[in-house]
């Protein structure tokens, strides 16, 4: 370390003076650590190890944060939907890497930039619930997905190829709670007007238990074709209506340059 023995001795003595207790037992046979010294030695090594790990993580993040795009991956909104598009732009962005970040829809208000989910992810693939742009967010619409109705394989309607208003009469159906989605509210109005004696169960949000309830209670649920495989005992059927819900990327307005670049490349693919 290019430090003389005398300089080391002075530093140790000064450190012991600062601490207020001895670190070494000194004798004519040499030195050994005191009980306090053993603690400082043992815990000090752990602190150094944690510090080195922390600094490495900071350096790694600093060197790679500009090239990593974090995409949220959840039960209802799996990130695999974007992989086909990503494969078409990968050659244009060889320095960009995608990273899947698991998140839960439960309790997540992803339409608000202040939600904690946006501290972990850069992009979410979602069904847009409103016509307007979310607060502090940008959107890139991929497509408009037809809204369908799901049910258990054993449900009497499961044998049909296309559902009509008359088929829904006397049925029970799960819908997203009124006021949460302009698109679902339009369907609610249509159902109440067209279908007699239909019972609506409001759900504040969909999760795995929602689909389990649909199957176990043998009732209907408003869904999309892409959720066909969420429950192994469910089937999804189209309905004789023209209700759709936009689907695409949601990201913050003040996103990092690499995220803006990624979205721009995806948009160019969609245009062509």
C-alpha atoms as a PDB file:
ATOM      1  CA  UNK A   1       0.000   0.000   0.000  1.00  0.00           C
ATOM      2  CA  UNK A   2       3.151   2.175  -0.067  1.00  0.00           C
ATOM      3  CA  UNK A   3       2.561   3.219   3.559  1.00  0.00           C
ATOM      4  CA  UNK A   4       5.358   3.021   6.148  1.00  0.00           C
ATOM      5  CA  UNK A   5       4.835   0.989   9.361  1.00  0.00           C
ATOM      6  CA  UNK A   6       5.054   4.147  11.445  1.00  0.00           C
ATOM      7  CA  UNK A   7       2.317   5.790   9.383  1.00  0.00           C
ATOM      8  CA  UNK A   8       0.074   2.737   9.864  1.00  0.00           C
ATOM      9  CA  UNK A   9       0.707   2.739  13.610  1.00  0.00           C
ATOM     10  CA  UNK A  10      -0.189   6.429  13.847  1.00  0.00           C
ATOM     11  CA  UNK A  11      -3.433   5.880  11.887  1.00  0.00           C
ATOM     12  CA  UNK A  12      -4.430   2.921  14.069  1.00  0.00           C
ATOM     13  CA  UNK A  13      -3.690   4.868  17.250  1.00  0.00           C
ATOM     14  CA  UNK A  14      -5.725   7.820  15.971  1.00  0.00           C
ATOM     15  CA  UNK A  15      -8.609   5.533  15.025  1.00  0.00           C
ATOM     16  CA  UNK A  16      -8.617   3.905  18.481  1.00  0.00           C
ATOM     17  CA  UNK A  17      -8.600   7.336  20.068  1.00  0.00           C
ATOM     18  CA  UNK A  18     -11.571   8.337  17.907  1.00  0.00           C
ATOM     19  CA  UNK A  19     -13.487   5.166  18.803  1.00  0.00           C
ATOM     20  CA  UNK A  20     -12.710   5.371  22.511  1.00  0.00           C
ATOM     21  CA  UNK A  21     -11.558   1.756  22.858  1.00  0.00           C
ATOM     22  CA  UNK A  22      -8.585  -0.393  21.851  1.00  0.00           C
ATOM     23  CA  UNK A  23      -8.623  -2.569  18.749  1.00  0.00           C
ATOM     24  CA  UNK A  24      -5.409  -4.453  19.514  1.00  0.00           C
ATOM     25  CA  UNK A  25      -3.830  -6.153  22.483  1.00  0.00           C
ATOM     26  CA  UNK A  26      -0.131  -5.295  22.304  1.00  0.00           C
ATOM     27  CA  UNK A  27       2.634  -7.322  23.976  1.00  0.00           C
ATOM     28  CA  UNK A  28       6.303  -8.213  23.458  1.00  0.00           C
ATOM     29  CA  UNK A  29       5.062 -11.288  21.569  1.00  0.00           C
ATOM     30  CA  UNK A  30       3.144  -9.199  19.051  1.00  0.00           C
ATOM     31  CA  UNK A  31      -0.431  -8.011  18.679  1.00  0.00           C
ATOM     32  CA  UNK A  32      -3.888  -9.599  18.560  1.00  0.00           C
ATOM     33  CA  UNK A  33      -7.380  -8.225  18.192  1.00  0.00           C
ATOM     34  CA  UNK A  34      -9.420  -7.276  21.211  1.00  0.00           C
ATOM     35  CA  UNK A  35     -13.054  -8.381  21.454  1.00  0.00           C
ATOM     36  CA  UNK A  36     -14.068  -4.987  20.074  1.00  0.00           C
ATOM     37  CA  UNK A  37     -11.464  -5.336  17.366  1.00  0.00           C
ATOM     38  CA  UNK A  38     -12.867  -8.703  16.330  1.00  0.00           C
ATOM     39  CA  UNK A  39     -16.317  -7.125  15.918  1.00  0.00           C
ATOM     40  CA  UNK A  40     -14.952  -4.214  13.885  1.00  0.00           C
ATOM     41  CA  UNK A  41     -12.949  -6.630  11.718  1.00  0.00           C
ATOM     42  CA  UNK A  42     -15.848  -9.036  11.099  1.00  0.00           C
ATOM     43  CA  UNK A  43     -18.548  -6.426  10.488  1.00  0.00           C
ATOM     44  CA  UNK A  44     -16.171  -4.173   8.574  1.00  0.00           C
ATOM     45  CA  UNK A  45     -15.574  -6.887   5.970  1.00  0.00           C
ATOM     46  CA  UNK A  46     -19.338  -7.216   5.498  1.00  0.00           C
ATOM     47  CA  UNK A  47     -19.707  -3.454   5.077  1.00  0.00           C
ATOM     48  CA  UNK A  48     -16.902  -3.360   2.504  1.00  0.00           C
ATOM     49  CA  UNK A  49     -18.531  -6.249   0.594  1.00  0.00           C
ATOM     50  CA  UNK A  50     -21.930  -4.528   0.598  1.00  0.00           C
ATOM     51  CA  UNK A  51     -20.357  -1.253  -0.453  1.00  0.00           C
ATOM     52  CA  UNK A  52     -18.515  -2.884  -3.349  1.00  0.00           C
ATOM     53  CA  UNK A  53     -21.757  -4.563  -4.475  1.00  0.00           C
ATOM     54  CA  UNK A  54     -23.667  -1.291  -4.230  1.00  0.00           C
ATOM     55  CA  UNK A  55     -21.055   0.598  -6.260  1.00  0.00           C
ATOM     56  CA  UNK A  56     -21.017  -2.150  -8.901  1.00  0.00           C
ATOM     57  CA  UNK A  57     -24.815  -1.977  -9.243  1.00  0.00           C
ATOM     58  CA  UNK A  58     -24.667   1.806  -9.587  1.00  0.00           C
ATOM     59  CA  UNK A  59     -21.932   1.620 -12.219  1.00  0.00           C
ATOM     60  CA  UNK A  60     -23.770  -1.135 -14.107  1.00  0.00           C
ATOM     61  CA  UNK A  61     -27.005   0.811 -14.031  1.00  0.00           C
ATOM     62  CA  UNK A  62     -25.266   3.974 -15.165  1.00  0.00           C
ATOM     63  CA  UNK A  63     -23.596   2.242 -18.090  1.00  0.00           C
ATOM     64  CA  UNK A  64     -26.631   0.235 -19.192  1.00  0.00           C
ATOM     65  CA  UNK A  65     -29.693   2.309 -18.224  1.00  0.00           C
ATOM     66  CA  UNK A  66     -29.637   4.065 -21.572  1.00  0.00           C
ATOM     67  CA  UNK A  67     -29.903   0.777 -23.470  1.00  0.00           C
ATOM     68  CA  UNK A  68     -32.453  -1.180 -21.422  1.00  0.00           C
ATOM     69  CA  UNK A  69     -36.192  -0.845 -21.925  1.00  0.00           C
ATOM     70  CA  UNK A  70     -38.203  -2.338 -19.062  1.00  0.00           C
ATOM     71  CA  UNK A  71     -41.538  -3.818 -20.136  1.00  0.00           C
ATOM     72  CA  UNK A  72     -44.140  -4.767 -17.560  1.00  0.00           C
ATOM     73  CA  UNK A  73     -45.322  -8.360 -17.668  1.00  0.00           C
ATOM     74  CA  UNK A  74     -48.531  -9.405 -15.919  1.00  0.00           C
ATOM     75  CA  UNK A  75     -51.311 -11.971 -15.802  1.00  0.00           C
ATOM     76  CA  UNK A  76     -53.667  -9.979 -18.037  1.00  0.00           C
ATOM     77  CA  UNK A  77     -51.096  -8.037 -20.046  1.00  0.00           C
ATOM     78  CA  UNK A  78     -48.226 -10.375 -20.998  1.00  0.00           C
ATOM     79  CA  UNK A  79     -45.257  -8.745 -22.708  1.00  0.00           C
ATOM     80  CA  UNK A  80     -45.026 -11.443 -25.386  1.00  0.00           C
ATOM     81  CA  UNK A  81     -47.471  -9.418 -27.502  1.00  0.00           C
ATOM     82  CA  UNK A  82     -44.696  -7.020 -28.453  1.00  0.00           C
ATOM     83  CA  UNK A  83     -42.063  -9.607 -29.364  1.00  0.00           C
ATOM     84  CA  UNK A  84     -43.093  -9.931 -33.027  1.00  0.00           C
ATOM     85  CA  UNK A  85     -42.771  -6.172 -33.441  1.00  0.00           C
ATOM     86  CA  UNK A  86     -39.490  -6.153 -31.544  1.00  0.00           C
ATOM     87  CA  UNK A  87     -38.020  -8.762 -33.889  1.00  0.00           C
ATOM     88  CA  UNK A  88     -38.699  -6.436 -36.828  1.00  0.00           C
ATOM     89  CA  UNK A  89     -36.827  -3.484 -35.338  1.00  0.00           C
ATOM     90  CA  UNK A  90     -34.042  -5.304 -33.485  1.00  0.00           C
ATOM     91  CA  UNK A  91     -31.549  -4.761 -36.296  1.00  0.00           C
ATOM     92  CA  UNK A  92     -32.195  -1.024 -36.102  1.00  0.00           C
ATOM     93  CA  UNK A  93     -31.602  -0.996 -32.349  1.00  0.00           C
ATOM     94  CA  UNK A  94     -28.738  -3.431 -31.690  1.00  0.00           C
ATOM     95  CA  UNK A  95     -27.811  -1.538 -28.527  1.00  0.00           C
ATOM     96  CA  UNK A  96     -31.300  -1.769 -27.001  1.00  0.00           C
ATOM     97  CA  UNK A  97     -32.258  -4.664 -24.752  1.00  0.00           C
ATOM     98  CA  UNK A  98     -35.726  -5.574 -23.459  1.00  0.00           C
ATOM     99  CA  UNK A  99     -36.192  -6.605 -19.860  1.00  0.00           C
ATOM    100  CA  UNK A 100     -39.377  -8.212 -18.519  1.00  0.00           C
ATOM    101  CA  UNK A 101     -40.509  -6.784 -15.190  1.00  0.00           C
ATOM    102  CA  UNK A 102     -43.330  -8.680 -13.408  1.00  0.00           C
ATOM    103  CA  UNK A 103     -46.099  -6.538 -11.952  1.00  0.00           C
ATOM    104  CA  UNK A 104     -49.554  -7.056 -10.513  1.00  0.00           C
ATOM    105  CA  UNK A 105     -52.654  -5.300 -11.864  1.00  0.00           C
ATOM    106  CA  UNK A 106     -54.232  -5.400  -8.392  1.00  0.00           C
ATOM    107  CA  UNK A 107     -54.052  -1.939  -6.868  1.00  0.00           C
ATOM    108  CA  UNK A 108     -52.165  -0.567  -9.872  1.00  0.00           C
ATOM    109  CA  UNK A 109     -53.387   2.689 -11.378  1.00  0.00           C
ATOM    110  CA  UNK A 110     -51.165   2.541 -14.440  1.00  0.00           C
ATOM    111  CA  UNK A 111     -52.991   5.451 -16.066  1.00  0.00           C
ATOM    112  CA  UNK A 112     -51.341   7.841 -13.578  1.00  0.00           C
ATOM    113  CA  UNK A 113     -47.632   8.616 -13.869  1.00  0.00           C
ATOM    114  CA  UNK A 114     -47.426   8.898 -10.068  1.00  0.00           C
ATOM    115  CA  UNK A 115     -48.245   5.223  -9.555  1.00  0.00           C
ATOM    116  CA  UNK A 116     -45.279   3.261  -8.107  1.00  0.00           C
ATOM    117  CA  UNK A 117     -45.408   0.822 -11.029  1.00  0.00           C
ATOM    118  CA  UNK A 118     -43.724   3.477 -13.193  1.00  0.00           C
ATOM    119  CA  UNK A 119     -40.668   3.427 -10.931  1.00  0.00           C
ATOM    120  CA  UNK A 120     -40.093  -0.174 -12.040  1.00  0.00           C
ATOM    121  CA  UNK A 121     -41.184  -0.226 -15.687  1.00  0.00           C
ATOM    122  CA  UNK A 122     -40.893   1.984 -18.776  1.00  0.00           C
ATOM    123  CA  UNK A 123     -43.702   0.486 -20.873  1.00  0.00           C
ATOM    124  CA  UNK A 124     -46.940  -1.376 -20.291  1.00  0.00           C
ATOM    125  CA  UNK A 125     -49.047  -3.231 -22.850  1.00  0.00           C
ATOM    126  CA  UNK A 126     -52.625  -2.509 -21.820  1.00  0.00           C
ATOM    127  CA  UNK A 127     -56.205  -2.158 -22.938  1.00  0.00           C
ATOM    128  CA  UNK A 128     -56.984   1.551 -22.809  1.00  0.00           C
ATOM    129  CA  UNK A 129     -60.006   2.229 -20.633  1.00  0.00           C
ATOM    130  CA  UNK A 130     -60.785   5.787 -21.721  1.00  0.00           C
ATOM    131  CA  UNK A 131     -60.926   7.837 -24.907  1.00  0.00           C
ATOM    132  CA  UNK A 132     -58.694  10.538 -23.448  1.00  0.00           C
ATOM    133  CA  UNK A 133     -54.964  10.397 -22.784  1.00  0.00           C
ATOM    134  CA  UNK A 134     -54.059   9.263 -19.287  1.00  0.00           C
ATOM    135  CA  UNK A 135     -52.557  11.775 -16.839  1.00  0.00           C
ATOM    136  CA  UNK A 136     -48.917  12.412 -17.635  1.00  0.00           C
ATOM    137  CA  UNK A 137     -48.877   9.470 -20.033  1.00  0.00           C
ATOM    138  CA  UNK A 138     -48.480   8.816 -23.757  1.00  0.00           C
ATOM    139  CA  UNK A 139     -50.094   5.991 -25.679  1.00  0.00           C
ATOM    140  CA  UNK A 140     -49.369   4.145 -28.884  1.00  0.00           C
ATOM    141  CA  UNK A 141     -52.382   2.174 -30.099  1.00  0.00           C
ATOM    142  CA  UNK A 142     -51.578  -1.134 -31.815  1.00  0.00           C
ATOM    143  CA  UNK A 143     -55.095  -2.215 -32.674  1.00  0.00           C
ATOM    144  CA  UNK A 144     -58.706  -2.219 -31.547  1.00  0.00           C
ATOM    145  CA  UNK A 145     -59.638  -5.581 -30.088  1.00  0.00           C
ATOM    146  CA  UNK A 146     -63.227  -6.856 -30.328  1.00  0.00           C
ATOM    147  CA  UNK A 147     -64.864  -7.344 -26.949  1.00  0.00           C
ATOM    148  CA  UNK A 148     -66.168 -10.883 -26.481  1.00  0.00           C
ATOM    149  CA  UNK A 149     -67.865 -12.990 -23.842  1.00  0.00           C
ATOM    150  CA  UNK A 150     -66.170 -15.809 -21.989  1.00  0.00           C
ATOM    151  CA  UNK A 151     -67.723 -18.771 -20.198  1.00  0.00           C
ATOM    152  CA  UNK A 152     -66.994 -22.288 -18.992  1.00  0.00           C
ATOM    153  CA  UNK A 153     -66.948 -25.089 -21.553  1.00  0.00           C
ATOM    154  CA  UNK A 154     -69.952 -26.624 -19.801  1.00  0.00           C
ATOM    155  CA  UNK A 155     -72.089 -23.481 -20.181  1.00  0.00           C
ATOM    156  CA  UNK A 156     -75.119 -23.980 -22.472  1.00  0.00           C
ATOM    157  CA  UNK A 157     -73.994 -21.085 -24.709  1.00  0.00           C
ATOM    158  CA  UNK A 158     -70.542 -22.606 -25.259  1.00  0.00           C
ATOM    159  CA  UNK A 159     -71.843 -24.624 -28.219  1.00  0.00           C
ATOM    160  CA  UNK A 160     -72.665 -21.477 -30.198  1.00  0.00           C
ATOM    161  CA  UNK A 161     -70.367 -19.838 -32.745  1.00  0.00           C
ATOM    162  CA  UNK A 162     -71.757 -16.293 -32.379  1.00  0.00           C
ATOM    163  CA  UNK A 163     -73.766 -14.768 -29.538  1.00  0.00           C
ATOM    164  CA  UNK A 164     -76.742 -12.418 -29.951  1.00  0.00           C
ATOM    165  CA  UNK A 165     -78.640 -10.222 -27.519  1.00  0.00           C
ATOM    166  CA  UNK A 166     -81.338 -12.854 -27.086  1.00  0.00           C
ATOM    167  CA  UNK A 167     -78.727 -15.370 -25.918  1.00  0.00           C
ATOM    168  CA  UNK A 168     -77.810 -13.135 -22.999  1.00  0.00           C
ATOM    169  CA  UNK A 169     -81.337 -12.835 -21.623  1.00  0.00           C
ATOM    170  CA  UNK A 170     -81.640 -14.304 -18.138  1.00  0.00           C
ATOM    171  CA  UNK A 171     -77.866 -14.715 -17.832  1.00  0.00           C
ATOM    172  CA  UNK A 172     -75.419 -13.385 -15.238  1.00  0.00           C
ATOM    173  CA  UNK A 173     -72.374 -11.534 -16.541  1.00  0.00           C
ATOM    174  CA  UNK A 174     -69.288 -10.000 -14.921  1.00  0.00           C
ATOM    175  CA  UNK A 175     -68.426  -6.469 -16.101  1.00  0.00           C
ATOM    176  CA  UNK A 176     -65.818  -3.970 -15.050  1.00  0.00           C
ATOM    177  CA  UNK A 177     -67.366  -1.621 -12.514  1.00  0.00           C
ATOM    178  CA  UNK A 178     -69.277   1.317 -13.987  1.00  0.00           C
ATOM    179  CA  UNK A 179     -67.274   4.506 -14.409  1.00  0.00           C
ATOM    180  CA  UNK A 180     -63.867   2.816 -14.812  1.00  0.00           C
ATOM    181  CA  UNK A 181     -63.986   2.388 -18.598  1.00  0.00           C
ATOM    182  CA  UNK A 182     -65.884   4.384 -21.188  1.00  0.00           C
ATOM    183  CA  UNK A 183     -65.814   1.396 -23.533  1.00  0.00           C
ATOM    184  CA  UNK A 184     -67.278  -1.031 -20.991  1.00  0.00           C
ATOM    185  CA  UNK A 185     -69.896   1.514 -19.942  1.00  0.00           C
ATOM    186  CA  UNK A 186     -71.132   1.587 -23.554  1.00  0.00           C
ATOM    187  CA  UNK A 187     -71.570  -2.182 -23.506  1.00  0.00           C
ATOM    188  CA  UNK A 188     -73.337  -1.999 -20.142  1.00  0.00           C
ATOM    189  CA  UNK A 189     -75.843   0.435 -21.637  1.00  0.00           C
ATOM    190  CA  UNK A 190     -76.331  -1.832 -24.678  1.00  0.00           C
ATOM    191  CA  UNK A 191     -76.849  -4.930 -22.513  1.00  0.00           C
ATOM    192  CA  UNK A 192     -79.384  -3.257 -20.233  1.00  0.00           C
ATOM    193  CA  UNK A 193     -81.295  -1.991 -23.263  1.00  0.00           C
ATOM    194  CA  UNK A 194     -81.181  -5.116 -25.423  1.00  0.00           C
ATOM    195  CA  UNK A 195     -81.183  -8.013 -22.956  1.00  0.00           C
ATOM    196  CA  UNK A 196     -84.079  -8.825 -20.655  1.00  0.00           C
ATOM    197  CA  UNK A 197     -83.583 -10.066 -17.097  1.00  0.00           C
ATOM    198  CA  UNK A 198     -79.798  -9.976 -17.286  1.00  0.00           C
ATOM    199  CA  UNK A 199     -77.885  -9.718 -14.023  1.00  0.00           C
ATOM    200  CA  UNK A 200     -74.646  -7.728 -13.935  1.00  0.00           C
ATOM    201  CA  UNK A 201     -71.905  -8.383 -11.389  1.00  0.00           C
ATOM    202  CA  UNK A 202     -69.580  -5.408 -11.005  1.00  0.00           C
ATOM    203  CA  UNK A 203     -65.873  -6.109 -10.698  1.00  0.00           C
ATOM    204  CA  UNK A 204     -63.436  -3.305  -9.724  1.00  0.00           C
ATOM    205  CA  UNK A 205     -60.706  -5.131 -11.655  1.00  0.00           C
ATOM    206  CA  UNK A 206     -60.025  -8.496 -13.254  1.00  0.00           C
ATOM    207  CA  UNK A 207     -57.623 -10.979 -11.715  1.00  0.00           C
ATOM    208  CA  UNK A 208     -57.258 -14.766 -11.637  1.00  0.00           C
ATOM    209  CA  UNK A 209     -60.058 -15.055  -9.073  1.00  0.00           C
ATOM    210  CA  UNK A 210     -62.428 -13.239 -11.432  1.00  0.00           C
ATOM    211  CA  UNK A 211     -61.958 -15.884 -14.106  1.00  0.00           C
ATOM    212  CA  UNK A 212     -62.159 -18.681 -11.527  1.00  0.00           C
ATOM    213  CA  UNK A 213     -65.492 -17.283 -10.382  1.00  0.00           C
ATOM    214  CA  UNK A 214     -66.754 -17.211 -13.951  1.00  0.00           C
ATOM    215  CA  UNK A 215     -65.977 -20.914 -14.390  1.00  0.00           C
ATOM    216  CA  UNK A 216     -66.951 -22.117 -10.912  1.00  0.00           C
ATOM    217  CA  UNK A 217     -70.286 -20.243 -10.869  1.00  0.00           C
ATOM    218  CA  UNK A 218     -70.922 -21.035 -14.556  1.00  0.00           C
ATOM    219  CA  UNK A 219     -71.608 -17.415 -15.469  1.00  0.00           C
ATOM    220  CA  UNK A 220     -70.466 -15.077 -18.244  1.00  0.00           C
ATOM    221  CA  UNK A 221     -67.638 -12.541 -18.314  1.00  0.00           C
ATOM    222  CA  UNK A 222     -66.856  -9.703 -20.695  1.00  0.00           C
ATOM    223  CA  UNK A 223     -63.406 -10.390 -22.110  1.00  0.00           C
ATOM    224  CA  UNK A 224     -61.209 -10.319 -25.214  1.00  0.00           C
ATOM    225  CA  UNK A 225     -60.051 -13.140 -27.460  1.00  0.00           C
ATOM    226  CA  UNK A 226     -56.437 -12.730 -26.309  1.00  0.00           C
ATOM    227  CA  UNK A 227     -57.465 -13.855 -22.804  1.00  0.00           C
ATOM    228  CA  UNK A 228     -58.742 -17.164 -24.177  1.00  0.00           C
ATOM    229  CA  UNK A 229     -55.969 -19.163 -22.477  1.00  0.00           C
ATOM    230  CA  UNK A 230     -56.141 -17.498 -19.077  1.00  0.00           C
ATOM    231  CA  UNK A 231     -58.333 -20.296 -17.706  1.00  0.00           C
ATOM    232  CA  UNK A 232     -58.073 -23.839 -19.108  1.00  0.00           C
ATOM    233  CA  UNK A 233     -61.823 -24.445 -18.686  1.00  0.00           C
ATOM    234  CA  UNK A 234     -62.971 -21.305 -20.504  1.00  0.00           C
ATOM    235  CA  UNK A 235     -64.070 -20.565 -24.040  1.00  0.00           C
ATOM    236  CA  UNK A 236     -64.373 -17.106 -25.612  1.00  0.00           C
ATOM    237  CA  UNK A 237     -67.073 -16.328 -28.161  1.00  0.00           C
ATOM    238  CA  UNK A 238     -67.674 -13.289 -30.386  1.00  0.00           C
ATOM    239  CA  UNK A 239     -70.870 -11.265 -30.001  1.00  0.00           C
ATOM    240  CA  UNK A 240     -73.059  -9.689 -32.666  1.00  0.00           C
ATOM    241  CA  UNK A 241     -72.050  -6.153 -31.724  1.00  0.00           C
ATOM    242  CA  UNK A 242     -69.359  -3.700 -32.815  1.00  0.00           C
ATOM    243  CA  UNK A 243     -67.771  -2.880 -29.471  1.00  0.00           C
ATOM    244  CA  UNK A 244     -63.991  -2.754 -29.403  1.00  0.00           C
ATOM    245  CA  UNK A 245     -61.298  -1.617 -26.991  1.00  0.00           C
ATOM    246  CA  UNK A 246     -57.952  -0.074 -28.047  1.00  0.00           C
ATOM    247  CA  UNK A 247     -54.804  -1.913 -27.081  1.00  0.00           C
ATOM    248  CA  UNK A 248     -51.188  -0.786 -27.143  1.00  0.00           C
ATOM    249  CA  UNK A 249     -48.229   0.751 -25.364  1.00  0.00           C
ATOM    250  CA  UNK A 250     -48.541   3.092 -22.417  1.00  0.00           C
ATOM    251  CA  UNK A 251     -45.513   5.097 -21.271  1.00  0.00           C
ATOM    252  CA  UNK A 252     -44.662   8.289 -19.392  1.00  0.00           C
ATOM    253  CA  UNK A 253     -44.446  11.599 -21.227  1.00  0.00           C
ATOM    254  CA  UNK A 254     -41.016  12.272 -19.744  1.00  0.00           C
ATOM    255  CA  UNK A 255     -39.585   8.864 -20.613  1.00  0.00           C
ATOM    256  CA  UNK A 256     -35.873   8.260 -21.163  1.00  0.00           C
ATOM    257  CA  UNK A 257     -34.529   8.820 -24.704  1.00  0.00           C
ATOM    258  CA  UNK A 258     -34.078   5.080 -25.252  1.00  0.00           C
ATOM    259  CA  UNK A 259     -37.775   4.513 -24.489  1.00  0.00           C
ATOM    260  CA  UNK A 260     -38.829   7.282 -26.874  1.00  0.00           C
ATOM    261  CA  UNK A 261     -36.564   5.790 -29.532  1.00  0.00           C
ATOM    262  CA  UNK A 262     -37.988   2.320 -28.977  1.00  0.00           C
ATOM    263  CA  UNK A 263     -41.578   3.570 -29.246  1.00  0.00           C
ATOM    264  CA  UNK A 264     -40.740   5.553 -32.380  1.00  0.00           C
ATOM    265  CA  UNK A 265     -39.323   2.454 -34.072  1.00  0.00           C
ATOM    266  CA  UNK A 266     -42.378   0.403 -33.083  1.00  0.00           C
ATOM    267  CA  UNK A 267     -44.634   3.126 -34.459  1.00  0.00           C
ATOM    268  CA  UNK A 268     -42.799   3.060 -37.800  1.00  0.00           C
ATOM    269  CA  UNK A 269     -43.402  -0.687 -38.035  1.00  0.00           C
ATOM    270  CA  UNK A 270     -47.101  -0.231 -37.303  1.00  0.00           C
ATOM    271  CA  UNK A 271     -47.383   2.407 -40.025  1.00  0.00           C
ATOM    272  CA  UNK A 272     -45.919   0.078 -42.629  1.00  0.00           C
END
